[in-house]
N, C-alpha and C. Protein backbone atom coordinates (compact mmCIF):
# COMPACT_ATOMS: atom_id res chain seq x y z
N UNK A 1 0.85 -1.18 0.00
CA UNK A 1 0.00 0.00 0.00
C UNK A 1 0.90 1.24 0.00
N UNK A 2 0.55 2.26 -0.80
CA UNK A 2 1.34 3.49 -0.82
C UNK A 2 1.32 4.18 0.54
N UNK A 3 2.41 4.83 0.88
CA UNK A 3 2.52 5.52 2.18
C UNK A 3 1.49 6.62 2.33
N UNK A 4 1.12 7.28 1.25
CA UNK A 4 0.21 8.41 1.35
C UNK A 4 -1.26 7.99 1.34
N UNK A 5 -1.58 6.78 0.99
CA UNK A 5 -2.94 6.24 1.01
C UNK A 5 -3.95 7.16 0.32
N UNK A 6 -3.57 7.78 -0.77
CA UNK A 6 -4.51 8.61 -1.54
C UNK A 6 -4.69 10.02 -1.03
N UNK A 7 -3.92 10.42 -0.04
CA UNK A 7 -4.04 11.77 0.49
C UNK A 7 -3.61 12.80 -0.56
N UNK A 8 -4.24 13.96 -0.53
CA UNK A 8 -3.88 15.02 -1.47
C UNK A 8 -4.14 16.37 -0.83
N UNK A 9 -3.48 17.38 -1.34
CA UNK A 9 -3.72 18.75 -0.91
C UNK A 9 -4.75 19.34 -1.86
N UNK A 10 -5.77 19.95 -1.31
CA UNK A 10 -6.84 20.51 -2.13
C UNK A 10 -6.35 21.79 -2.81
N UNK A 11 -6.04 21.67 -4.09
CA UNK A 11 -5.69 22.80 -4.94
C UNK A 11 -5.87 22.32 -6.38
N UNK A 12 -5.92 23.25 -7.30
CA UNK A 12 -6.20 22.91 -8.69
C UNK A 12 -7.54 22.19 -8.79
N UNK A 13 -8.52 22.68 -8.04
CA UNK A 13 -9.86 22.09 -8.04
C UNK A 13 -10.71 22.76 -9.12
N UNK A 14 -11.94 22.29 -9.25
CA UNK A 14 -12.87 22.84 -10.22
C UNK A 14 -14.26 22.90 -9.62
N UNK A 15 -14.92 24.05 -9.76
CA UNK A 15 -16.33 24.19 -9.41
C UNK A 15 -17.04 24.87 -10.56
N UNK A 16 -18.02 24.19 -11.12
CA UNK A 16 -18.89 24.77 -12.14
C UNK A 16 -20.32 24.74 -11.64
N UNK A 17 -21.01 25.86 -11.82
CA UNK A 17 -22.44 25.94 -11.56
C UNK A 17 -23.08 26.51 -12.81
N UNK A 18 -24.10 25.83 -13.31
CA UNK A 18 -24.78 26.33 -14.50
C UNK A 18 -23.86 26.45 -15.70
N UNK A 19 -22.82 25.64 -15.77
CA UNK A 19 -21.91 25.66 -16.92
C UNK A 19 -20.79 26.67 -16.84
N UNK A 20 -20.78 27.53 -15.79
CA UNK A 20 -19.73 28.53 -15.63
C UNK A 20 -18.77 28.10 -14.53
N UNK A 21 -17.49 28.28 -14.76
CA UNK A 21 -16.47 27.93 -13.76
C UNK A 21 -16.31 29.09 -12.78
N UNK A 22 -16.42 28.78 -11.49
CA UNK A 22 -16.33 29.79 -10.42
C UNK A 22 -15.16 29.51 -9.48
N UNK A 23 -14.24 28.66 -9.86
CA UNK A 23 -13.17 28.21 -8.98
C UNK A 23 -12.35 29.36 -8.40
N UNK A 24 -12.16 30.43 -9.16
CA UNK A 24 -11.33 31.54 -8.68
C UNK A 24 -12.04 32.44 -7.67
N UNK A 25 -13.30 32.14 -7.31
CA UNK A 25 -14.03 32.96 -6.34
C UNK A 25 -14.43 32.20 -5.08
N UNK A 26 -14.02 30.93 -4.96
CA UNK A 26 -14.35 30.14 -3.77
C UNK A 26 -13.09 29.48 -3.22
N UNK A 27 -13.08 29.20 -1.93
CA UNK A 27 -11.95 28.49 -1.33
C UNK A 27 -12.40 27.32 -0.47
N UNK A 28 -13.69 27.13 -0.32
CA UNK A 28 -14.21 25.94 0.35
C UNK A 28 -15.39 25.42 -0.45
N UNK A 29 -15.34 24.15 -0.81
CA UNK A 29 -16.49 23.45 -1.40
C UNK A 29 -16.54 22.08 -0.74
N UNK A 30 -17.69 21.77 -0.17
CA UNK A 30 -17.90 20.45 0.43
C UNK A 30 -19.26 19.92 -0.01
N UNK A 31 -19.30 18.67 -0.40
CA UNK A 31 -20.56 17.98 -0.67
C UNK A 31 -20.84 17.17 0.59
N UNK A 32 -21.92 17.53 1.30
CA UNK A 32 -22.14 17.03 2.65
C UNK A 32 -23.45 16.25 2.74
N UNK A 33 -23.37 14.96 3.15
CA UNK A 33 -24.59 14.19 3.35
C UNK A 33 -25.15 14.41 4.76
N UNK A 34 -26.46 14.41 4.86
CA UNK A 34 -27.13 14.39 6.16
C UNK A 34 -27.89 13.08 6.21
N UNK A 35 -27.38 12.12 6.97
CA UNK A 35 -27.94 10.78 7.02
C UNK A 35 -28.66 10.57 8.33
N UNK A 36 -30.01 10.52 8.32
CA UNK A 36 -30.76 10.28 9.55
C UNK A 36 -30.56 8.85 10.06
N UNK A 37 -30.21 8.74 11.32
CA UNK A 37 -30.02 7.43 11.95
C UNK A 37 -30.93 7.36 13.17
N UNK A 38 -31.71 6.31 13.23
CA UNK A 38 -32.61 6.07 14.36
C UNK A 38 -32.09 4.86 15.13
N UNK A 39 -31.99 4.99 16.45
CA UNK A 39 -31.61 3.86 17.27
C UNK A 39 -32.49 3.82 18.51
N UNK A 40 -32.90 2.61 18.85
CA UNK A 40 -33.71 2.41 20.06
C UNK A 40 -33.10 1.26 20.85
N UNK A 41 -32.78 1.56 22.09
CA UNK A 41 -32.28 0.50 22.96
C UNK A 41 -33.47 -0.32 23.44
N UNK A 42 -33.22 -1.62 23.62
CA UNK A 42 -34.26 -2.50 24.15
C UNK A 42 -33.89 -2.93 25.56
N UNK A 43 -34.74 -3.70 26.19
CA UNK A 43 -34.49 -4.12 27.57
C UNK A 43 -33.38 -5.15 27.70
N UNK A 44 -32.97 -5.76 26.59
CA UNK A 44 -31.84 -6.68 26.62
C UNK A 44 -30.57 -5.84 26.80
N UNK A 45 -29.63 -6.25 27.65
CA UNK A 45 -28.46 -5.40 27.96
C UNK A 45 -27.72 -4.86 26.75
N UNK A 46 -27.54 -5.64 25.70
CA UNK A 46 -26.82 -5.14 24.53
C UNK A 46 -27.74 -5.01 23.32
N UNK A 47 -29.03 -4.89 23.55
CA UNK A 47 -29.99 -4.87 22.45
C UNK A 47 -30.28 -3.48 21.92
N UNK A 48 -30.27 -3.35 20.60
CA UNK A 48 -30.68 -2.11 19.94
C UNK A 48 -31.40 -2.45 18.64
N UNK A 49 -32.27 -1.55 18.26
CA UNK A 49 -32.90 -1.60 16.95
C UNK A 49 -32.40 -0.37 16.22
N UNK A 50 -31.83 -0.56 15.01
CA UNK A 50 -31.23 0.56 14.29
C UNK A 50 -31.80 0.66 12.88
N UNK A 51 -31.88 1.89 12.39
CA UNK A 51 -32.31 2.14 11.02
C UNK A 51 -31.50 3.32 10.48
N UNK A 52 -31.04 3.19 9.25
CA UNK A 52 -30.33 4.28 8.57
C UNK A 52 -31.16 4.66 7.35
N UNK A 53 -31.62 5.89 7.32
CA UNK A 53 -32.43 6.39 6.22
C UNK A 53 -31.53 6.90 5.10
N UNK A 54 -32.10 7.18 3.95
CA UNK A 54 -31.31 7.72 2.84
C UNK A 54 -30.91 9.16 3.16
N UNK A 55 -29.74 9.55 2.67
CA UNK A 55 -29.17 10.86 2.96
C UNK A 55 -29.79 11.94 2.07
N UNK A 56 -29.83 13.14 2.61
CA UNK A 56 -30.06 14.33 1.79
C UNK A 56 -28.71 15.04 1.73
N UNK A 57 -28.45 15.76 0.64
CA UNK A 57 -27.13 16.34 0.40
C UNK A 57 -27.22 17.85 0.22
N UNK A 58 -26.15 18.54 0.62
CA UNK A 58 -25.98 19.96 0.33
C UNK A 58 -24.56 20.20 -0.17
N UNK A 59 -24.43 21.26 -0.97
CA UNK A 59 -23.11 21.75 -1.36
C UNK A 59 -22.83 22.97 -0.50
N UNK A 60 -21.81 22.89 0.32
CA UNK A 60 -21.41 23.99 1.19
C UNK A 60 -20.31 24.78 0.48
N UNK A 61 -20.49 26.10 0.38
CA UNK A 61 -19.55 26.96 -0.34
C UNK A 61 -19.14 28.12 0.55
N UNK A 62 -17.85 28.45 0.52
CA UNK A 62 -17.35 29.68 1.11
C UNK A 62 -16.56 30.40 0.01
N UNK A 63 -16.88 31.67 -0.20
CA UNK A 63 -16.21 32.41 -1.26
C UNK A 63 -16.42 33.90 -1.14
N UNK A 64 -16.06 34.61 -2.21
CA UNK A 64 -16.18 36.06 -2.26
C UNK A 64 -17.59 36.51 -2.59
N UNK A 65 -17.96 37.66 -2.08
CA UNK A 65 -19.17 38.33 -2.53
C UNK A 65 -18.75 39.28 -3.65
N UNK A 66 -19.13 38.96 -4.87
CA UNK A 66 -18.84 39.84 -6.00
C UNK A 66 -20.15 40.13 -6.71
N UNK A 67 -20.70 41.29 -6.42
CA UNK A 67 -21.96 41.72 -7.05
C UNK A 67 -21.70 42.74 -8.16
N UNK A 68 -20.45 43.07 -8.42
CA UNK A 68 -20.12 44.15 -9.34
C UNK A 68 -19.66 43.68 -10.72
N UNK A 69 -19.02 42.53 -10.80
CA UNK A 69 -18.42 42.11 -12.07
C UNK A 69 -18.94 40.76 -12.53
N UNK A 70 -20.23 40.54 -12.38
CA UNK A 70 -20.86 39.27 -12.76
C UNK A 70 -20.21 38.10 -12.04
N UNK A 71 -19.97 38.26 -10.75
CA UNK A 71 -19.34 37.23 -9.94
C UNK A 71 -20.33 36.16 -9.51
N UNK A 72 -19.83 35.19 -8.75
CA UNK A 72 -20.65 34.09 -8.27
C UNK A 72 -21.80 34.58 -7.41
N UNK A 73 -21.56 35.51 -6.49
CA UNK A 73 -22.63 36.01 -5.64
C UNK A 73 -23.74 36.63 -6.48
N UNK A 74 -23.37 37.39 -7.49
CA UNK A 74 -24.35 37.99 -8.39
C UNK A 74 -25.13 36.90 -9.14
N UNK A 75 -24.43 35.87 -9.61
CA UNK A 75 -25.07 34.75 -10.31
C UNK A 75 -26.07 34.07 -9.38
N UNK A 76 -25.66 33.80 -8.15
CA UNK A 76 -26.56 33.14 -7.20
C UNK A 76 -27.79 33.99 -6.91
N UNK A 77 -27.58 35.29 -6.72
CA UNK A 77 -28.70 36.20 -6.45
C UNK A 77 -29.68 36.22 -7.63
N UNK A 78 -29.16 36.29 -8.84
CA UNK A 78 -30.00 36.35 -10.04
C UNK A 78 -30.74 35.05 -10.31
N UNK A 79 -30.21 33.93 -9.84
CA UNK A 79 -30.79 32.62 -10.15
C UNK A 79 -31.38 31.92 -8.93
N UNK A 80 -31.58 32.65 -7.82
CA UNK A 80 -32.12 32.05 -6.61
C UNK A 80 -33.43 31.32 -6.91
N UNK A 81 -33.53 30.09 -6.43
CA UNK A 81 -34.72 29.27 -6.64
C UNK A 81 -34.62 28.34 -7.84
N UNK A 82 -33.69 28.62 -8.75
CA UNK A 82 -33.52 27.77 -9.94
C UNK A 82 -32.71 26.53 -9.61
N UNK A 83 -32.90 25.49 -10.43
CA UNK A 83 -32.08 24.30 -10.35
C UNK A 83 -31.04 24.38 -11.46
N UNK A 84 -29.76 24.22 -11.09
CA UNK A 84 -28.68 24.29 -12.07
C UNK A 84 -27.74 23.10 -11.89
N UNK A 85 -27.11 22.71 -12.98
CA UNK A 85 -26.15 21.61 -12.96
C UNK A 85 -24.86 22.07 -12.28
N UNK A 86 -24.19 21.12 -11.60
CA UNK A 86 -22.88 21.42 -11.02
C UNK A 86 -21.89 20.34 -11.40
N UNK A 87 -20.61 20.72 -11.38
CA UNK A 87 -19.48 19.81 -11.49
C UNK A 87 -18.49 20.23 -10.42
N UNK A 88 -18.05 19.28 -9.62
CA UNK A 88 -17.02 19.56 -8.62
C UNK A 88 -15.93 18.50 -8.72
N UNK A 89 -14.70 18.96 -8.91
CA UNK A 89 -13.54 18.07 -8.95
C UNK A 89 -12.51 18.59 -7.96
N UNK A 90 -12.18 17.82 -6.92
CA UNK A 90 -11.19 18.27 -5.95
C UNK A 90 -9.79 18.42 -6.53
N UNK A 91 -9.51 17.76 -7.64
CA UNK A 91 -8.20 17.82 -8.28
C UNK A 91 -8.44 17.68 -9.78
N UNK A 92 -8.06 18.69 -10.55
CA UNK A 92 -8.28 18.67 -11.99
C UNK A 92 -7.26 17.75 -12.66
N UNK A 93 -7.73 16.92 -13.59
CA UNK A 93 -6.84 16.05 -14.34
C UNK A 93 -7.59 14.91 -14.98
N UNK A 94 -7.18 14.54 -16.16
CA UNK A 94 -7.81 13.45 -16.89
C UNK A 94 -7.83 12.18 -16.04
N UNK A 95 -9.01 11.58 -15.92
CA UNK A 95 -9.16 10.35 -15.16
C UNK A 95 -9.37 10.55 -13.67
N UNK A 96 -9.18 11.77 -13.17
CA UNK A 96 -9.38 12.05 -11.74
C UNK A 96 -10.87 12.13 -11.42
N UNK A 97 -11.22 11.91 -10.16
CA UNK A 97 -12.61 11.88 -9.73
C UNK A 97 -13.27 13.25 -9.83
N UNK A 98 -14.55 13.22 -10.18
CA UNK A 98 -15.38 14.43 -10.13
C UNK A 98 -16.79 14.00 -9.75
N UNK A 99 -17.56 14.95 -9.22
CA UNK A 99 -18.94 14.70 -8.87
C UNK A 99 -19.82 15.68 -9.63
N UNK A 100 -20.95 15.19 -10.09
CA UNK A 100 -21.90 16.01 -10.84
C UNK A 100 -23.28 15.86 -10.24
N UNK A 101 -24.15 16.78 -10.59
CA UNK A 101 -25.53 16.72 -10.12
C UNK A 101 -26.21 18.04 -10.37
N UNK A 102 -27.27 18.27 -9.59
CA UNK A 102 -28.08 19.47 -9.69
C UNK A 102 -28.25 20.07 -8.31
N UNK A 103 -28.06 21.39 -8.20
CA UNK A 103 -28.31 22.10 -6.94
C UNK A 103 -29.46 23.07 -7.12
N UNK A 104 -30.09 23.42 -6.00
CA UNK A 104 -31.08 24.48 -5.98
C UNK A 104 -30.36 25.73 -5.50
N UNK A 105 -30.37 26.78 -6.31
CA UNK A 105 -29.63 28.00 -6.00
C UNK A 105 -30.35 28.77 -4.89
N UNK A 106 -29.59 29.25 -3.92
CA UNK A 106 -30.13 30.12 -2.86
C UNK A 106 -29.39 31.46 -2.91
N UNK A 107 -30.05 32.49 -2.44
CA UNK A 107 -29.46 33.84 -2.43
C UNK A 107 -28.35 33.90 -1.40
N UNK A 108 -27.20 34.43 -1.77
CA UNK A 108 -26.08 34.54 -0.82
C UNK A 108 -26.29 35.72 0.13
N UNK A 109 -25.51 35.76 1.22
CA UNK A 109 -25.57 36.90 2.12
C UNK A 109 -24.99 38.15 1.45
N UNK A 110 -25.33 39.29 2.02
CA UNK A 110 -24.82 40.58 1.54
C UNK A 110 -24.21 41.29 2.74
N UNK A 111 -22.96 41.73 2.60
CA UNK A 111 -22.32 42.48 3.68
C UNK A 111 -21.19 41.71 4.32
N UNK A 112 -20.67 42.25 5.43
CA UNK A 112 -19.57 41.61 6.11
C UNK A 112 -18.95 42.51 7.14
N UNK A 113 -17.70 42.22 7.48
CA UNK A 113 -16.98 42.92 8.53
C UNK A 113 -16.08 44.00 7.93
N UNK A 114 -16.08 45.17 8.55
CA UNK A 114 -15.26 46.29 8.09
C UNK A 114 -13.80 45.87 8.05
N UNK A 115 -13.11 46.27 6.98
CA UNK A 115 -11.69 46.00 6.85
C UNK A 115 -11.37 44.60 6.34
N UNK A 116 -12.38 43.83 5.98
CA UNK A 116 -12.16 42.46 5.50
C UNK A 116 -12.83 42.28 4.14
N UNK A 117 -12.35 41.31 3.38
CA UNK A 117 -13.05 40.95 2.15
C UNK A 117 -14.47 40.52 2.50
N UNK A 118 -15.43 40.95 1.71
CA UNK A 118 -16.81 40.51 1.90
C UNK A 118 -16.89 39.06 1.43
N UNK A 119 -17.22 38.18 2.37
CA UNK A 119 -17.28 36.75 2.08
C UNK A 119 -18.70 36.24 2.18
N UNK A 120 -18.91 35.05 1.65
CA UNK A 120 -20.21 34.40 1.78
C UNK A 120 -19.99 32.95 2.15
N UNK A 121 -20.84 32.45 3.01
CA UNK A 121 -20.91 31.04 3.35
C UNK A 121 -22.36 30.64 3.17
N UNK A 122 -22.60 29.59 2.38
CA UNK A 122 -23.97 29.16 2.17
C UNK A 122 -24.01 27.69 1.79
N UNK A 123 -25.20 27.13 1.88
CA UNK A 123 -25.44 25.74 1.49
C UNK A 123 -26.48 25.71 0.39
N UNK A 124 -26.14 25.00 -0.69
CA UNK A 124 -27.07 24.81 -1.79
C UNK A 124 -27.60 23.38 -1.71
N UNK A 125 -28.92 23.18 -1.58
CA UNK A 125 -29.45 21.82 -1.55
C UNK A 125 -29.17 21.10 -2.87
N UNK A 126 -28.74 19.85 -2.77
CA UNK A 126 -28.50 19.02 -3.95
C UNK A 126 -29.75 18.19 -4.19
N UNK A 127 -30.21 18.16 -5.45
CA UNK A 127 -31.36 17.35 -5.83
C UNK A 127 -30.88 15.91 -5.97
N UNK A 128 -31.41 15.02 -5.17
CA UNK A 128 -30.92 13.63 -5.18
C UNK A 128 -29.58 13.55 -4.49
N UNK A 129 -28.62 12.92 -5.14
CA UNK A 129 -27.28 12.84 -4.57
C UNK A 129 -26.24 13.04 -5.67
N UNK A 130 -25.02 13.46 -5.30
CA UNK A 130 -23.98 13.66 -6.30
C UNK A 130 -23.59 12.33 -6.94
N UNK A 131 -23.20 12.39 -8.20
CA UNK A 131 -22.80 11.21 -8.94
C UNK A 131 -21.30 11.28 -9.20
N UNK A 132 -20.59 10.25 -8.76
CA UNK A 132 -19.14 10.22 -8.96
C UNK A 132 -18.83 9.69 -10.35
N UNK A 133 -17.88 10.36 -10.99
CA UNK A 133 -17.41 9.95 -12.31
C UNK A 133 -15.94 10.29 -12.44
N UNK A 134 -15.44 10.19 -13.66
CA UNK A 134 -14.05 10.53 -13.94
C UNK A 134 -14.01 11.66 -14.95
N UNK A 135 -13.04 12.55 -14.79
CA UNK A 135 -12.86 13.66 -15.72
C UNK A 135 -12.35 13.14 -17.06
N UNK A 136 -12.81 13.78 -18.11
CA UNK A 136 -12.36 13.39 -19.46
C UNK A 136 -11.00 13.94 -19.75
């Protein structure tokens, strides 16, 4: 087994929403499952009844607020409520893993802290679940 076990540094990534690449305006992208788990202990000392439901997914994004030059924040604001296709690849390269699917666009925050870049953190609901594939 290789010493690094598939570890990589997140850089040279790709984020596309609605066919446009926004990689230069974000620094965090996570595809996050929310998996409901139900457990009930029974009267037997080691007894439990367990159920795992299907996950719902969100795309978590942290990036710049750019409302002036047709930036991602402006795109999200203009398309809030729409369903758009996404592509996310943690490492760009032929044959490397990527995930695709559809997100529901939500309006980003407006504003921030004095003396700092105006940033946005938001979650876009994913319709269904992301599909893993390989980059061409």
